[in-house]
Amino acid sequence: MADKEKVRVSVMIYGKQYTISGTEPAEHVMKVAGTVDKKMREIYSVNPNLNTESLAVLTAVNSIHDYMKLQEEYHLLLKEFNRLKD
């Protein structure tokens, strides 16, 4: 299998420009960055006294929480699917 070509994408997250490199398509990277920006702005809207570092940490914690809940749901659905197909 051929290695994927590295892509560099310039994105804006919470008013700061970042260059992100990786093997995902630019559209995917931009969507991820947009989601991070949106989440940071949502958290800031209810916690306007947070500095950027604290805001970034809370955004990361919220994002991993959401990810772990989705993993749990996926495993429950997979378990149910396997039970039904047997």
Protein backbone atom coordinates (compact mmCIF):
# COMPACT_ATOMS: atom_id res chain seq x y z
CA MET A 1 0.00 0.00 0.00
CA ALA A 2 1.37 3.41 -0.93
CA ASP A 3 1.97 5.97 1.78
CA LYS A 4 -0.51 8.82 1.82
CA GLU A 5 0.89 12.17 0.82
CA LYS A 6 1.24 14.73 3.60
CA VAL A 7 -1.10 17.69 3.38
CA ARG A 8 -0.56 21.07 5.04
CA VAL A 9 -3.68 23.08 5.83
CA SER A 10 -3.90 26.55 7.32
CA VAL A 11 -6.86 26.87 9.69
CA MET A 12 -8.20 29.46 12.12
CA ILE A 13 -9.14 28.27 15.61
CA TYR A 14 -10.41 30.74 18.16
CA GLY A 15 -8.87 33.67 16.33
CA LYS A 16 -5.43 32.14 15.89
CA GLN A 17 -4.01 30.67 12.71
CA TYR A 18 -2.49 27.19 12.77
CA THR A 19 -0.88 25.07 10.09
CA ILE A 20 -1.85 21.44 10.48
CA SER A 21 -0.10 18.72 8.55
CA GLY A 22 -1.22 15.15 8.12
CA THR A 23 -2.50 12.61 5.65
CA GLU A 24 -6.21 13.42 5.86
CA PRO A 25 -7.83 15.47 3.08
CA ALA A 26 -7.79 19.25 3.58
CA GLU A 27 -11.59 19.28 3.83
CA HIS A 28 -11.47 16.90 6.78
CA VAL A 29 -8.82 18.94 8.60
CA MET A 30 -10.84 22.12 8.03
CA LYS A 31 -13.99 20.44 9.36
CA VAL A 32 -12.16 19.25 12.49
CA ALA A 33 -10.68 22.71 13.07
CA GLY A 34 -14.11 24.29 12.60
CA THR A 35 -15.59 21.91 15.15
CA VAL A 36 -12.84 22.75 17.67
CA ASP A 37 -13.39 26.47 17.09
CA LYS A 38 -17.15 26.09 17.55
CA LYS A 39 -16.71 24.07 20.76
CA MET A 40 -14.28 26.63 22.20
CA ARG A 41 -16.71 29.45 21.46
CA GLU A 42 -19.60 27.52 23.04
CA ILE A 43 -17.62 26.94 26.22
CA TYR A 44 -16.43 30.55 26.31
CA SER A 45 -20.01 31.81 25.97
CA VAL A 46 -20.89 30.26 29.34
CA ASN A 47 -17.46 30.84 30.93
CA PRO A 48 -16.28 34.26 29.62
CA ASN A 49 -13.64 34.65 32.35
CA LEU A 50 -11.56 31.69 31.10
CA ASN A 51 -8.14 32.37 29.65
CA THR A 52 -7.26 30.70 26.37
CA GLU A 53 -5.23 27.92 28.00
CA SER A 54 -8.04 26.93 30.38
CA LEU A 55 -10.53 27.18 27.54
CA ALA A 56 -8.40 24.86 25.39
CA VAL A 57 -8.09 22.32 28.23
CA LEU A 58 -11.85 22.37 28.90
CA THR A 59 -12.48 21.96 25.18
CA ALA A 60 -10.16 18.95 25.10
CA VAL A 61 -11.82 17.42 28.17
CA ASN A 62 -15.31 17.95 26.69
CA SER A 63 -14.22 16.50 23.35
CA ILE A 64 -12.68 13.38 24.90
CA HIS A 65 -15.79 12.96 27.06
CA ASP A 66 -17.96 13.05 23.93
CA TYR A 67 -15.60 10.61 22.19
CA MET A 68 -15.68 8.16 25.09
CA LYS A 69 -19.49 8.28 25.26
CA LEU A 70 -19.64 7.53 21.52
CA GLN A 71 -17.24 4.61 22.01
CA GLU A 72 -19.49 3.22 24.75
CA GLU A 73 -22.56 3.57 22.53
CA TYR A 74 -20.72 1.94 19.62
CA HIS A 75 -19.70 -1.05 21.73
CA LEU A 76 -23.25 -1.47 23.05
CA LEU A 77 -24.64 -1.31 19.50
CA LEU A 78 -22.01 -3.76 18.26
CA LYS A 79 -22.83 -6.14 21.10
CA GLU A 80 -26.54 -5.89 20.29
CA PHE A 81 -25.87 -6.37 16.58
CA ASN A 82 -23.80 -9.51 17.25
CA ARG A 83 -26.52 -10.84 19.56
CA LEU A 84 -29.19 -10.32 16.90
CA LYS A 85 -27.23 -11.85 14.04
CA ASP A 86 -26.49 -15.07 15.96
